[in-house]
Amino acid sequence: TYTDRESLQIFEDAIRTVKKVRGSVDVGEPTYRMTVTYANSKVAGFSLYMDFKTKDGFLIKASNSEKMLDLRNKNSVELADLLSKEKED
């Protein structure tokens, strides 16, 4: 669970700036599953797929599991760094 402002900003920026990828995807198990609760109490589920070597990643929203949401490079790197840091602690 992430509650600090800096981590939440990284997640918020990553989700807000995704680029929708055309077509449908069929992928395996995600690296992480996330539940996001917005300020208005709306809840959304996401699967995060992250390659920690290349720091490339994408999201798939639970409510539309065939559509890939590509993370922008900057956001993907920030997210990979945050998650890598947490794994090492």
C-alpha atoms as a PDB file:
ATOM      1  CA  THR A   1       0.000   0.000   0.000  1.00  0.00           C
ATOM      2  CA  TYR A   2       1.363   3.384  -0.974  1.00  0.00           C
ATOM      3  CA  THR A   3       0.117   6.411   0.916  1.00  0.00           C
ATOM      4  CA  ASP A   4       2.952   8.948   0.711  1.00  0.00           C
ATOM      5  CA  ARG A   5       2.381  11.878  -1.614  1.00  0.00           C
ATOM      6  CA  GLU A   6       5.473  11.272  -3.779  1.00  0.00           C
ATOM      7  CA  SER A   7       4.570   7.638  -4.546  1.00  0.00           C
ATOM      8  CA  LEU A   8       0.927   8.499  -5.165  1.00  0.00           C
ATOM      9  CA  GLN A   9       2.014  11.214  -7.610  1.00  0.00           C
ATOM     10  CA  ILE A  10       4.107   8.676  -9.555  1.00  0.00           C
ATOM     11  CA  PHE A  11       1.119   6.328  -9.852  1.00  0.00           C
ATOM     12  CA  GLU A  12      -1.256   9.191 -10.699  1.00  0.00           C
ATOM     13  CA  ASP A  13       1.009  10.558 -13.434  1.00  0.00           C
ATOM     14  CA  ALA A  14       1.518   7.089 -14.905  1.00  0.00           C
ATOM     15  CA  ILE A  15      -2.216   6.355 -15.077  1.00  0.00           C
ATOM     16  CA  ARG A  16      -3.180   9.820 -16.289  1.00  0.00           C
ATOM     17  CA  THR A  17      -0.676   9.878 -19.182  1.00  0.00           C
ATOM     18  CA  VAL A  18      -1.054   6.377 -20.652  1.00  0.00           C
ATOM     19  CA  LYS A  19      -1.344   5.977 -24.389  1.00  0.00           C
ATOM     20  CA  LYS A  20      -4.087   3.633 -25.592  1.00  0.00           C
ATOM     21  CA  VAL A  21      -2.757   0.962 -27.939  1.00  0.00           C
ATOM     22  CA  ARG A  22      -4.928  -0.094 -30.861  1.00  0.00           C
ATOM     23  CA  GLY A  23      -6.163  -3.642 -31.062  1.00  0.00           C
ATOM     24  CA  SER A  24      -6.652  -6.318 -28.460  1.00  0.00           C
ATOM     25  CA  VAL A  25      -4.045  -8.020 -26.326  1.00  0.00           C
ATOM     26  CA  ASP A  26      -3.773 -11.431 -24.763  1.00  0.00           C
ATOM     27  CA  VAL A  27      -1.124 -11.465 -22.046  1.00  0.00           C
ATOM     28  CA  GLY A  28      -0.130 -13.661 -19.140  1.00  0.00           C
ATOM     29  CA  GLU A  29      -0.057 -12.935 -15.433  1.00  0.00           C
ATOM     30  CA  PRO A  30       0.759  -9.329 -14.504  1.00  0.00           C
ATOM     31  CA  THR A  31       3.757  -8.249 -12.484  1.00  0.00           C
ATOM     32  CA  TYR A  32       1.386  -6.474 -10.071  1.00  0.00           C
ATOM     33  CA  ARG A  33      -2.330  -6.003  -9.570  1.00  0.00           C
ATOM     34  CA  MET A  34      -3.356  -2.582  -8.317  1.00  0.00           C
ATOM     35  CA  THR A  35      -6.486  -1.176  -6.804  1.00  0.00           C
ATOM     36  CA  VAL A  36      -6.704   2.587  -7.093  1.00  0.00           C
ATOM     37  CA  THR A  37      -9.125   4.561  -4.954  1.00  0.00           C
ATOM     38  CA  TYR A  38      -9.656   8.080  -6.274  1.00  0.00           C
ATOM     39  CA  ALA A  39     -10.475  11.132  -4.156  1.00  0.00           C
ATOM     40  CA  ASN A  40     -14.142  10.827  -5.180  1.00  0.00           C
ATOM     41  CA  SER A  41     -14.140   7.242  -3.755  1.00  0.00           C
ATOM     42  CA  LYS A  42     -14.299   5.675  -7.233  1.00  0.00           C
ATOM     43  CA  VAL A  43     -12.296   2.446  -7.319  1.00  0.00           C
ATOM     44  CA  ALA A  44     -10.497   1.077 -10.389  1.00  0.00           C
ATOM     45  CA  GLY A  45      -8.446  -2.068 -10.802  1.00  0.00           C
ATOM     46  CA  PHE A  46      -5.360  -2.303 -12.996  1.00  0.00           C
ATOM     47  CA  SER A  47      -2.866  -4.968 -13.938  1.00  0.00           C
ATOM     48  CA  LEU A  48       0.673  -3.666 -14.270  1.00  0.00           C
ATOM     49  CA  TYR A  49       3.164  -5.400 -16.523  1.00  0.00           C
ATOM     50  CA  MET A  50       6.729  -4.216 -15.891  1.00  0.00           C
ATOM     51  CA  ASP A  51      10.077  -5.277 -17.333  1.00  0.00           C
ATOM     52  CA  PHE A  52      12.533  -4.157 -14.666  1.00  0.00           C
ATOM     53  CA  LYS A  53      15.559  -4.599 -16.951  1.00  0.00           C
ATOM     54  CA  THR A  54      14.324  -2.219 -19.643  1.00  0.00           C
ATOM     55  CA  LYS A  55      11.985  -0.274 -17.327  1.00  0.00           C
ATOM     56  CA  ASP A  56       9.223  -0.576 -19.912  1.00  0.00           C
ATOM     57  CA  GLY A  57       5.697  -1.188 -18.778  1.00  0.00           C
ATOM     58  CA  PHE A  58       2.034  -1.076 -19.560  1.00  0.00           C
ATOM     59  CA  LEU A  59      -1.284  -1.223 -17.751  1.00  0.00           C
ATOM     60  CA  ILE A  60      -4.497  -3.070 -18.430  1.00  0.00           C
ATOM     61  CA  LYS A  61      -7.627  -1.758 -16.753  1.00  0.00           C
ATOM     62  CA  ALA A  62      -9.672  -4.512 -15.132  1.00  0.00           C
ATOM     63  CA  SER A  63     -12.880  -3.175 -16.661  1.00  0.00           C
ATOM     64  CA  ASN A  64     -11.425  -3.488 -20.194  1.00  0.00           C
ATOM     65  CA  SER A  65      -8.976  -6.373 -20.091  1.00  0.00           C
ATOM     66  CA  GLU A  66      -8.321  -6.550 -23.832  1.00  0.00           C
ATOM     67  CA  LYS A  67      -6.967  -2.998 -24.169  1.00  0.00           C
ATOM     68  CA  MET A  68      -3.336  -2.207 -23.435  1.00  0.00           C
ATOM     69  CA  LEU A  69      -2.435   1.172 -21.963  1.00  0.00           C
ATOM     70  CA  ASP A  70       1.206   1.959 -22.717  1.00  0.00           C
ATOM     71  CA  LEU A  71       3.113   3.853 -20.040  1.00  0.00           C
ATOM     72  CA  ARG A  72       5.090   6.852 -21.242  1.00  0.00           C
ATOM     73  CA  ASN A  73       8.861   6.343 -20.895  1.00  0.00           C
ATOM     74  CA  LYS A  74       9.346   8.825 -18.047  1.00  0.00           C
ATOM     75  CA  ASN A  75       6.424   7.389 -16.081  1.00  0.00           C
ATOM     76  CA  SER A  76       7.472   3.812 -16.701  1.00  0.00           C
ATOM     77  CA  VAL A  77      10.993   4.493 -15.417  1.00  0.00           C
ATOM     78  CA  GLU A  78       9.689   6.299 -12.319  1.00  0.00           C
ATOM     79  CA  LEU A  79       7.276   3.467 -11.574  1.00  0.00           C
ATOM     80  CA  ALA A  80       9.942   0.782 -12.107  1.00  0.00           C
ATOM     81  CA  ASP A  81      12.330   2.654  -9.809  1.00  0.00           C
ATOM     82  CA  LEU A  82       9.677   3.044  -7.117  1.00  0.00           C
ATOM     83  CA  LEU A  83       8.673  -0.621  -7.229  1.00  0.00           C
ATOM     84  CA  SER A  84      12.311  -1.787  -7.354  1.00  0.00           C
ATOM     85  CA  LYS A  85      13.117   0.331  -4.303  1.00  0.00           C
ATOM     86  CA  GLU A  86      10.227  -1.188  -2.382  1.00  0.00           C
ATOM     87  CA  LYS A  87      11.274  -4.717  -3.337  1.00  0.00           C
ATOM     88  CA  GLU A  88      14.796  -4.110  -1.984  1.00  0.00           C
ATOM     89  CA  ASP A  89      13.658  -2.672   1.386  1.00  0.00           C
END
